[in-house]
N, C-alpha and C. Protein backbone atom coordinates (compact mmCIF):
# COMPACT_ATOMS: atom_id res chain seq x y z
N TYR A 1 -21.91 -42.00 -75.88
CA TYR A 1 -20.74 -42.79 -75.31
C TYR A 1 -21.03 -44.45 -75.04
N GLY A 2 -20.42 -45.25 -75.09
CA GLY A 2 -20.45 -46.55 -74.37
C GLY A 2 -19.53 -46.39 -73.39
N LEU A 3 -19.65 -47.20 -72.36
CA LEU A 3 -19.28 -47.54 -70.99
C LEU A 3 -17.81 -47.76 -71.19
N HIS A 4 -17.40 -48.21 -72.08
CA HIS A 4 -15.92 -48.69 -72.39
C HIS A 4 -15.21 -47.00 -72.87
N GLU A 5 -15.86 -46.33 -73.92
CA GLU A 5 -15.25 -44.82 -74.27
C GLU A 5 -15.30 -44.29 -72.64
N GLU A 6 -16.24 -44.29 -71.41
CA GLU A 6 -16.28 -43.26 -70.70
C GLU A 6 -15.25 -43.55 -69.85
N ARG A 7 -14.64 -44.93 -69.54
CA ARG A 7 -13.91 -45.27 -68.84
C ARG A 7 -12.47 -45.05 -69.34
N GLU A 8 -12.02 -44.84 -70.53
CA GLU A 8 -10.94 -44.57 -71.23
C GLU A 8 -10.88 -43.16 -71.06
N GLN A 9 -12.01 -42.33 -71.35
CA GLN A 9 -11.51 -40.73 -71.16
C GLN A 9 -11.61 -40.75 -69.68
N SER A 10 -12.17 -41.42 -68.61
CA SER A 10 -11.77 -40.93 -67.20
C SER A 10 -10.05 -41.31 -67.23
N LYS A 11 -9.69 -42.53 -67.41
CA LYS A 11 -8.11 -42.80 -67.44
C LYS A 11 -7.42 -41.72 -67.61
N ALA A 12 -7.86 -41.42 -68.72
CA ALA A 12 -7.11 -39.99 -69.50
C ALA A 12 -6.83 -38.89 -68.77
N ILE A 13 -8.27 -38.41 -68.35
CA ILE A 13 -8.19 -37.20 -67.49
C ILE A 13 -7.39 -37.80 -65.99
N ASN A 14 -7.47 -38.50 -65.60
CA ASN A 14 -6.68 -39.02 -64.29
C ASN A 14 -5.09 -39.13 -64.29
N LEU A 15 -4.89 -39.58 -65.61
CA LEU A 15 -3.17 -39.51 -66.29
C LEU A 15 -3.10 -38.01 -66.44
N ALA A 16 -3.99 -37.01 -66.94
CA ALA A 16 -3.42 -35.72 -67.18
C ALA A 16 -3.29 -34.94 -65.81
N ILE A 17 -4.43 -35.33 -64.79
CA ILE A 17 -4.28 -34.44 -63.33
C ILE A 17 -2.97 -35.08 -62.89
N LYS A 18 -2.67 -36.56 -62.87
CA LYS A 18 -1.60 -36.93 -62.27
C LYS A 18 -0.38 -36.00 -62.70
N GLN A 19 0.10 -36.37 -64.02
CA GLN A 19 1.04 -35.38 -64.85
C GLN A 19 1.16 -33.50 -64.26
N ASN A 20 -0.35 -33.40 -64.46
CA ASN A 20 -0.02 -31.79 -63.85
C ASN A 20 0.47 -31.57 -62.39
N MET A 21 0.09 -32.28 -61.67
CA MET A 21 0.24 -32.59 -60.17
C MET A 21 1.80 -32.45 -59.83
N LEU A 22 2.13 -33.57 -60.68
CA LEU A 22 3.86 -33.92 -60.58
C LEU A 22 4.38 -32.65 -61.03
N GLU A 23 4.24 -32.16 -62.22
CA GLU A 23 5.31 -31.40 -62.56
C GLU A 23 4.93 -29.52 -61.54
N LEU A 24 3.64 -29.58 -61.05
CA LEU A 24 3.30 -28.44 -60.18
C LEU A 24 4.15 -28.83 -58.80
N CYS A 25 4.28 -29.95 -58.18
CA CYS A 25 4.30 -30.17 -57.04
C CYS A 25 5.79 -30.71 -57.12
N SER A 26 6.43 -30.97 -57.83
CA SER A 26 7.84 -31.45 -57.93
C SER A 26 9.05 -30.33 -56.93
N GLY A 27 9.55 -31.01 -55.85
CA GLY A 27 10.31 -30.24 -54.89
C GLY A 27 9.79 -29.06 -54.46
N LYS A 28 8.39 -28.90 -54.27
CA LYS A 28 7.80 -27.71 -53.46
C LYS A 28 7.12 -28.21 -52.70
N ASN A 29 6.67 -27.37 -51.41
CA ASN A 29 6.12 -27.39 -50.50
C ASN A 29 4.44 -26.70 -50.81
N ILE A 30 3.91 -27.71 -50.66
CA ILE A 30 2.60 -27.43 -50.91
C ILE A 30 1.45 -27.32 -49.89
N ARG A 31 0.95 -25.42 -49.54
CA ARG A 31 0.28 -25.69 -48.32
C ARG A 31 -1.19 -25.64 -48.60
N LEU A 32 -1.72 -26.13 -47.80
CA LEU A 32 -3.24 -26.36 -48.17
C LEU A 32 -3.89 -25.27 -46.67
N LEU A 33 -4.95 -24.67 -46.96
CA LEU A 33 -5.93 -24.43 -45.95
C LEU A 33 -7.16 -24.94 -45.93
N LEU A 34 -7.06 -25.40 -44.24
CA LEU A 34 -8.42 -26.30 -43.96
C LEU A 34 -9.20 -25.52 -43.50
N LEU A 35 -10.38 -25.26 -44.01
CA LEU A 35 -11.18 -24.31 -43.12
C LEU A 35 -12.74 -25.12 -42.66
N GLY A 36 -13.06 -25.21 -41.63
CA GLY A 36 -14.20 -25.73 -41.15
C GLY A 36 -14.53 -25.43 -39.49
N THR A 37 -15.54 -25.65 -39.20
CA THR A 37 -16.11 -25.49 -37.29
C THR A 37 -15.55 -26.50 -37.08
N GLY A 38 -15.50 -26.17 -35.94
CA GLY A 38 -14.62 -26.89 -34.51
C GLY A 38 -15.53 -28.81 -34.79
N ASP A 39 -14.47 -29.44 -34.39
CA ASP A 39 -14.83 -31.01 -34.48
C ASP A 39 -14.97 -31.37 -35.95
N SER A 40 -14.96 -30.52 -37.12
CA SER A 40 -15.53 -31.03 -38.48
C SER A 40 -15.10 -31.67 -39.10
N GLY A 41 -13.52 -32.49 -38.53
CA GLY A 41 -12.58 -33.09 -39.08
C GLY A 41 -11.14 -32.61 -39.84
N LYS A 42 -10.85 -31.38 -39.43
CA LYS A 42 -9.66 -30.69 -40.03
C LYS A 42 -8.30 -31.43 -39.36
N SER A 43 -8.15 -31.78 -38.28
CA SER A 43 -7.04 -32.32 -38.00
C SER A 43 -6.98 -34.02 -38.03
N THR A 44 -8.25 -34.42 -38.27
CA THR A 44 -8.34 -35.83 -38.58
C THR A 44 -7.93 -35.93 -40.05
N PHE A 45 -8.29 -35.07 -40.63
CA PHE A 45 -7.58 -35.17 -41.99
C PHE A 45 -6.17 -35.25 -42.30
N VAL A 46 -5.53 -34.14 -41.43
CA VAL A 46 -4.23 -33.92 -41.62
C VAL A 46 -3.61 -35.26 -41.24
N LYS A 47 -3.73 -35.80 -40.15
CA LYS A 47 -3.39 -37.50 -39.40
C LYS A 47 -3.38 -38.25 -40.20
N GLN A 48 -4.64 -38.26 -41.10
CA GLN A 48 -4.83 -39.48 -42.38
C GLN A 48 -3.82 -39.18 -43.24
N MET A 49 -3.70 -38.56 -43.64
CA MET A 49 -2.65 -37.97 -44.70
C MET A 49 -1.50 -38.44 -44.42
N LYS A 50 -1.29 -38.15 -43.14
CA LYS A 50 0.66 -38.36 -42.43
C LYS A 50 0.16 -39.70 -42.80
N VAL A 51 -0.68 -40.56 -41.98
CA VAL A 51 -0.71 -42.31 -41.78
C VAL A 51 -0.36 -42.76 -43.38
N ILE A 52 -1.40 -41.84 -44.13
CA ILE A 52 -1.35 -42.65 -45.64
C ILE A 52 0.10 -42.45 -46.08
N HIS A 53 0.48 -41.25 -46.34
CA HIS A 53 1.60 -40.67 -47.28
C HIS A 53 2.96 -40.47 -46.59
N LEU A 54 2.76 -40.39 -45.15
CA LEU A 54 4.19 -40.46 -44.40
C LEU A 54 4.27 -41.71 -43.46
N ASN A 55 3.75 -42.42 -43.89
CA ASN A 55 4.43 -43.74 -43.37
C ASN A 55 3.98 -43.87 -41.44
N GLY A 56 2.90 -43.05 -41.19
CA GLY A 56 2.38 -42.96 -39.80
C GLY A 56 3.22 -41.74 -38.98
N PHE A 57 2.63 -42.02 -37.57
CA PHE A 57 3.39 -41.27 -36.54
C PHE A 57 4.66 -42.07 -35.95
N LYS A 58 5.77 -40.89 -35.37
CA LYS A 58 6.99 -41.64 -34.91
C LYS A 58 6.17 -41.33 -33.64
N ARG A 59 7.06 -42.62 -32.61
CA ARG A 59 6.79 -42.72 -31.44
C ARG A 59 6.18 -41.65 -30.69
N ARG A 60 7.21 -40.70 -30.37
CA ARG A 60 6.85 -39.48 -29.53
C ARG A 60 5.62 -38.71 -30.08
N GLU A 61 5.27 -38.68 -31.45
CA GLU A 61 4.12 -38.14 -31.63
C GLU A 61 2.83 -38.96 -31.64
N PHE A 62 2.69 -40.38 -31.28
CA PHE A 62 2.05 -41.08 -30.81
C PHE A 62 1.69 -41.00 -29.33
N GLU A 63 2.96 -40.90 -28.46
CA GLU A 63 2.40 -40.61 -27.21
C GLU A 63 1.86 -39.24 -26.76
N LYS A 64 2.09 -38.20 -27.33
CA LYS A 64 1.77 -36.99 -27.34
C LYS A 64 0.10 -36.90 -27.63
N TYR A 65 -0.45 -38.18 -28.66
CA TYR A 65 -1.66 -37.89 -29.04
C TYR A 65 -2.56 -38.92 -27.59
N ARG A 66 -1.75 -39.82 -27.42
CA ARG A 66 -2.18 -40.71 -26.52
C ARG A 66 -2.83 -40.07 -25.35
N ILE A 67 -1.87 -38.90 -24.81
CA ILE A 67 -1.92 -38.26 -23.78
C ILE A 67 -3.19 -37.35 -23.93
N VAL A 68 -3.32 -36.53 -25.16
CA VAL A 68 -4.49 -35.87 -25.61
C VAL A 68 -5.83 -36.70 -25.38
N LEU A 69 -5.74 -38.07 -25.89
CA LEU A 69 -7.08 -38.77 -25.63
C LEU A 69 -7.11 -39.39 -24.53
N LYS A 70 -6.54 -39.29 -23.66
CA LYS A 70 -6.50 -39.77 -22.36
C LYS A 70 -7.23 -38.41 -21.13
N GLU A 71 -6.84 -37.27 -21.80
CA GLU A 71 -7.10 -35.99 -20.68
C GLU A 71 -8.89 -35.83 -21.53
N THR A 72 -8.97 -36.07 -22.84
CA THR A 72 -9.98 -35.96 -23.38
C THR A 72 -11.26 -36.92 -23.04
N ALA A 73 -11.07 -38.46 -22.68
CA ALA A 73 -11.58 -39.39 -21.91
C ALA A 73 -12.09 -38.94 -20.79
N LEU A 74 -10.84 -38.27 -19.79
CA LEU A 74 -11.67 -38.02 -18.52
C LEU A 74 -12.43 -36.79 -18.42
N ALA A 75 -12.24 -35.85 -19.21
CA ALA A 75 -12.88 -34.47 -19.37
C ALA A 75 -14.27 -35.02 -19.72
N SER A 76 -14.74 -35.57 -20.95
CA SER A 76 -15.80 -36.32 -21.25
C SER A 76 -16.77 -37.08 -20.19
N ILE A 77 -15.79 -38.33 -19.63
CA ILE A 77 -16.93 -38.78 -18.48
C ILE A 77 -17.16 -37.87 -17.25
N LYS A 78 -15.95 -36.36 -16.68
CA LYS A 78 -16.29 -35.67 -16.22
C LYS A 78 -17.67 -34.94 -16.45
N THR A 79 -17.56 -34.65 -17.76
CA THR A 79 -18.65 -33.75 -18.10
C THR A 79 -20.25 -34.46 -18.13
N LEU A 80 -20.02 -35.74 -18.43
CA LEU A 80 -21.38 -36.24 -18.31
C LEU A 80 -21.66 -36.59 -16.85
N ILE A 81 -21.40 -36.47 -16.15
CA ILE A 81 -21.43 -37.14 -14.55
C ILE A 81 -22.08 -35.08 -14.12
N VAL A 82 -21.37 -34.06 -14.42
CA VAL A 82 -21.82 -32.95 -14.26
C VAL A 82 -23.15 -32.93 -15.03
N GLN A 83 -23.17 -33.16 -15.81
CA GLN A 83 -24.52 -33.28 -16.77
C GLN A 83 -25.46 -33.83 -16.27
N SER A 84 -25.10 -34.85 -15.80
CA SER A 84 -26.06 -35.89 -14.98
C SER A 84 -26.66 -35.00 -13.84
N GLN A 85 -26.33 -34.75 -13.01
CA GLN A 85 -26.63 -34.19 -12.17
C GLN A 85 -27.20 -32.97 -12.31
N GLU A 86 -26.86 -31.83 -13.53
CA GLU A 86 -27.59 -30.92 -14.02
C GLU A 86 -29.08 -31.27 -14.32
N PHE A 87 -29.19 -32.12 -15.12
CA PHE A 87 -30.07 -33.17 -15.13
C PHE A 87 -31.33 -33.90 -14.39
N LYS A 88 -30.71 -33.82 -13.24
CA LYS A 88 -31.25 -34.73 -12.11
C LYS A 88 -31.58 -35.79 -12.74
N ILE A 89 -30.80 -36.74 -13.38
CA ILE A 89 -30.85 -37.84 -13.86
C ILE A 89 -30.06 -38.63 -12.82
N LYS A 90 -30.43 -39.91 -12.03
CA LYS A 90 -29.75 -40.45 -11.20
C LYS A 90 -29.03 -41.45 -11.54
N LEU A 91 -27.58 -41.54 -11.01
CA LEU A 91 -26.66 -42.85 -11.59
C LEU A 91 -26.93 -43.85 -10.59
N SER A 92 -26.88 -44.73 -10.91
CA SER A 92 -26.87 -46.19 -9.94
C SER A 92 -25.68 -46.00 -8.63
N SER A 93 -26.71 -46.73 -7.43
CA SER A 93 -25.51 -46.74 -6.65
C SER A 93 -24.29 -47.14 -6.32
N ASP A 94 -24.46 -48.39 -7.13
CA ASP A 94 -23.06 -49.20 -7.51
C ASP A 94 -22.03 -48.05 -8.28
N VAL A 95 -22.30 -47.16 -8.69
CA VAL A 95 -20.97 -46.35 -9.43
C VAL A 95 -21.03 -44.83 -8.74
N GLN A 96 -21.29 -44.73 -7.60
CA GLN A 96 -21.16 -43.76 -6.50
C GLN A 96 -19.76 -43.62 -5.92
N GLU A 97 -18.92 -44.76 -5.83
CA GLU A 97 -17.44 -44.43 -5.46
C GLU A 97 -16.56 -44.04 -6.86
N SER A 98 -17.45 -44.82 -7.88
CA SER A 98 -16.48 -44.38 -9.27
C SER A 98 -16.76 -43.04 -9.60
N LYS A 99 -17.98 -42.57 -9.19
CA LYS A 99 -18.08 -41.01 -9.80
C LYS A 99 -17.27 -40.28 -8.74
N GLU A 100 -17.08 -40.45 -7.47
CA GLU A 100 -16.21 -39.75 -6.70
C GLU A 100 -14.98 -39.66 -7.20
N LEU A 101 -14.41 -40.89 -7.24
CA LEU A 101 -13.24 -41.15 -7.56
C LEU A 101 -12.66 -40.76 -9.11
N VAL A 102 -13.49 -40.46 -10.37
CA VAL A 102 -13.30 -39.95 -11.28
C VAL A 102 -13.45 -38.26 -11.41
N LEU A 103 -14.43 -37.51 -10.43
CA LEU A 103 -14.37 -36.37 -10.35
C LEU A 103 -13.25 -35.84 -9.99
N ASN A 104 -12.57 -36.65 -8.84
CA ASN A 104 -11.23 -35.98 -8.11
C ASN A 104 -9.83 -36.88 -8.67
N ALA A 105 -9.99 -37.14 -9.77
CA ALA A 105 -9.13 -37.53 -10.46
C ALA A 105 -8.29 -36.45 -11.28
N ASP A 106 -7.29 -36.24 -11.67
CA ASP A 106 -6.30 -35.25 -11.93
C ASP A 106 -5.97 -35.67 -13.69
N GLU A 107 -5.63 -37.02 -13.56
CA GLU A 107 -5.54 -37.80 -15.06
C GLU A 107 -6.18 -39.24 -15.04
N LEU A 108 -6.05 -39.86 -16.31
CA LEU A 108 -6.82 -41.01 -16.56
C LEU A 108 -5.37 -41.87 -16.09
N THR A 109 -5.32 -42.59 -15.49
CA THR A 109 -4.65 -43.98 -15.00
C THR A 109 -5.15 -45.18 -14.84
N ALA A 110 -3.92 -45.96 -15.06
CA ALA A 110 -4.60 -47.68 -15.15
C ALA A 110 -5.71 -47.85 -14.10
N ASP A 111 -5.49 -47.22 -12.65
CA ASP A 111 -6.76 -47.28 -11.48
C ASP A 111 -7.78 -46.59 -11.87
N ILE A 112 -7.96 -45.60 -12.27
CA ILE A 112 -8.90 -45.05 -12.76
C ILE A 112 -9.87 -45.51 -13.74
N GLY A 113 -9.19 -46.25 -14.75
CA GLY A 113 -9.95 -46.61 -16.24
C GLY A 113 -11.27 -47.55 -16.00
N PRO A 114 -11.01 -48.39 -15.21
CA PRO A 114 -12.35 -49.14 -14.91
C PRO A 114 -13.22 -48.52 -13.82
N HIS A 115 -12.83 -47.52 -13.58
CA HIS A 115 -14.21 -46.72 -12.88
C HIS A 115 -14.80 -46.31 -14.30
N ILE A 116 -14.03 -45.61 -15.00
CA ILE A 116 -14.55 -44.82 -15.86
C ILE A 116 -15.35 -45.78 -16.97
N LEU A 117 -15.11 -46.96 -17.27
CA LEU A 117 -16.11 -47.82 -17.89
C LEU A 117 -17.06 -48.47 -16.96
N ARG A 118 -16.85 -48.19 -15.99
CA ARG A 118 -18.19 -48.64 -14.91
C ARG A 118 -18.99 -47.67 -15.17
N LEU A 119 -18.96 -46.02 -14.99
CA LEU A 119 -19.24 -44.97 -15.25
C LEU A 119 -20.25 -45.25 -16.42
N TRP A 120 -19.47 -45.38 -17.68
CA TRP A 120 -19.94 -45.28 -19.23
C TRP A 120 -21.12 -46.22 -19.18
N GLU A 121 -20.74 -47.53 -18.60
CA GLU A 121 -21.92 -48.57 -18.86
C GLU A 121 -23.50 -48.14 -17.94
N ASP A 122 -23.41 -46.87 -17.10
CA ASP A 122 -24.36 -46.94 -16.18
C ASP A 122 -25.45 -46.14 -17.05
N LYS A 123 -26.74 -46.64 -16.58
CA LYS A 123 -27.65 -46.18 -17.23
C LYS A 123 -28.14 -44.76 -17.46
N GLY A 124 -27.92 -43.96 -16.25
CA GLY A 124 -28.00 -42.39 -15.84
C GLY A 124 -26.92 -41.73 -16.94
N ILE A 125 -25.67 -42.28 -16.97
CA ILE A 125 -24.44 -41.93 -17.86
C ILE A 125 -25.03 -41.81 -19.28
N ARG A 126 -25.27 -42.96 -19.73
CA ARG A 126 -25.84 -43.16 -21.18
C ARG A 126 -27.31 -42.19 -21.33
N LYS A 127 -28.07 -42.30 -20.61
CA LYS A 127 -29.56 -41.52 -20.56
C LYS A 127 -28.75 -39.86 -20.87
N THR A 128 -27.76 -39.76 -20.20
CA THR A 128 -26.99 -38.09 -19.97
C THR A 128 -26.74 -37.72 -21.28
N TRP A 129 -26.11 -39.11 -21.89
CA TRP A 129 -25.02 -39.15 -23.35
C TRP A 129 -26.16 -38.93 -24.09
N GLU A 130 -27.34 -39.66 -24.11
CA GLU A 130 -28.61 -39.20 -25.35
C GLU A 130 -28.87 -37.82 -25.52
N ARG A 131 -28.67 -36.82 -24.26
CA ARG A 131 -29.22 -35.37 -24.34
C ARG A 131 -27.98 -34.68 -24.83
N ASN A 132 -26.89 -35.14 -25.75
CA ASN A 132 -25.38 -34.60 -25.49
C ASN A 132 -25.70 -33.24 -26.29
N PHE A 133 -26.93 -33.22 -27.11
CA PHE A 133 -27.03 -31.97 -28.01
C PHE A 133 -27.43 -30.77 -27.05
N ASP A 134 -27.79 -31.21 -25.59
CA ASP A 134 -27.89 -30.10 -24.60
C ASP A 134 -26.69 -29.46 -23.98
N TYR A 135 -25.99 -29.40 -24.46
CA TYR A 135 -24.50 -29.66 -23.52
C TYR A 135 -23.20 -29.49 -24.61
N GLN A 136 -22.15 -28.90 -24.02
CA GLN A 136 -21.00 -29.16 -24.92
C GLN A 136 -20.37 -30.20 -24.58
N ILE A 137 -20.22 -31.36 -25.45
CA ILE A 137 -19.29 -32.41 -25.67
C ILE A 137 -18.71 -33.22 -26.77
N GLY A 138 -17.54 -33.43 -27.11
CA GLY A 138 -17.25 -33.79 -28.13
C GLY A 138 -17.76 -34.95 -28.88
N SER A 139 -18.02 -34.76 -30.23
CA SER A 139 -18.84 -35.70 -30.76
C SER A 139 -18.16 -37.48 -31.10
N SER A 140 -16.91 -37.33 -30.58
CA SER A 140 -16.61 -38.76 -30.73
C SER A 140 -16.20 -39.12 -28.86
N ALA A 141 -16.74 -38.61 -28.08
CA ALA A 141 -16.51 -38.83 -26.95
C ALA A 141 -17.01 -40.51 -26.59
N ASP A 142 -18.06 -40.69 -27.28
CA ASP A 142 -18.80 -42.21 -27.12
C ASP A 142 -17.94 -42.84 -27.48
N TYR A 143 -17.18 -42.56 -28.35
CA TYR A 143 -16.42 -43.97 -29.11
C TYR A 143 -15.02 -44.16 -28.49
N LEU A 144 -14.80 -42.78 -28.15
CA LEU A 144 -13.36 -42.34 -27.04
C LEU A 144 -13.67 -43.64 -25.76
N LEU A 145 -14.84 -43.22 -25.08
CA LEU A 145 -14.80 -43.95 -24.03
C LEU A 145 -15.69 -45.50 -23.99
N ASP A 146 -16.00 -45.63 -24.96
CA ASP A 146 -16.15 -47.38 -25.65
C ASP A 146 -14.85 -47.94 -25.57
N ASN A 147 -13.73 -47.17 -25.69
CA ASN A 147 -12.32 -47.63 -26.29
C ASN A 147 -11.41 -47.31 -24.84
N VAL A 148 -11.79 -46.80 -23.88
CA VAL A 148 -10.80 -46.12 -22.85
C VAL A 148 -9.64 -47.24 -22.59
N HIS A 149 -10.37 -48.18 -22.47
CA HIS A 149 -8.97 -49.06 -22.33
C HIS A 149 -7.19 -49.11 -23.40
N SER A 150 -7.89 -48.31 -24.71
CA SER A 150 -6.68 -48.42 -25.45
C SER A 150 -5.79 -47.44 -25.37
N CYS A 151 -6.17 -46.30 -24.63
CA CYS A 151 -5.49 -45.19 -24.04
C CYS A 151 -4.75 -45.67 -22.82
N LEU A 152 -4.94 -46.17 -22.13
CA LEU A 152 -3.96 -47.14 -21.25
C LEU A 152 -3.02 -48.08 -21.40
N LEU A 153 -3.01 -48.46 -22.91
CA LEU A 153 -1.91 -49.37 -23.13
C LEU A 153 -0.31 -48.90 -23.18
């Protein structure tokens, strides 16, 4: 086979698959079982399909996810603080007030956001993050903490 013949064959196969899917799916709800360990991306996959195929989230859904992200960001930084104490990793003296405020916070508010950022930039917290395989914390916690300001908008 030459390259041209392979492309034509690939196009024909793709067309046949699309036609079969249209026949199978027309007017039917399809159920899909997603299996995987925790934090493997099952929910992310579903959300991406919704964004791609159903024009994204409604405002109410967006707000619900925003609340979850705020809770996760706060829980993540609290975990890092506690773990730094467990590992006897010192935090710089200029984040002590932020540490106390964050540990006592019940929710991530605009007042708490800058303190989380200050803590996340601390060398001791970063050192604790580098040991994230020694304790349980979400694998995306670093991304979330890097972008905590987005949760506050």
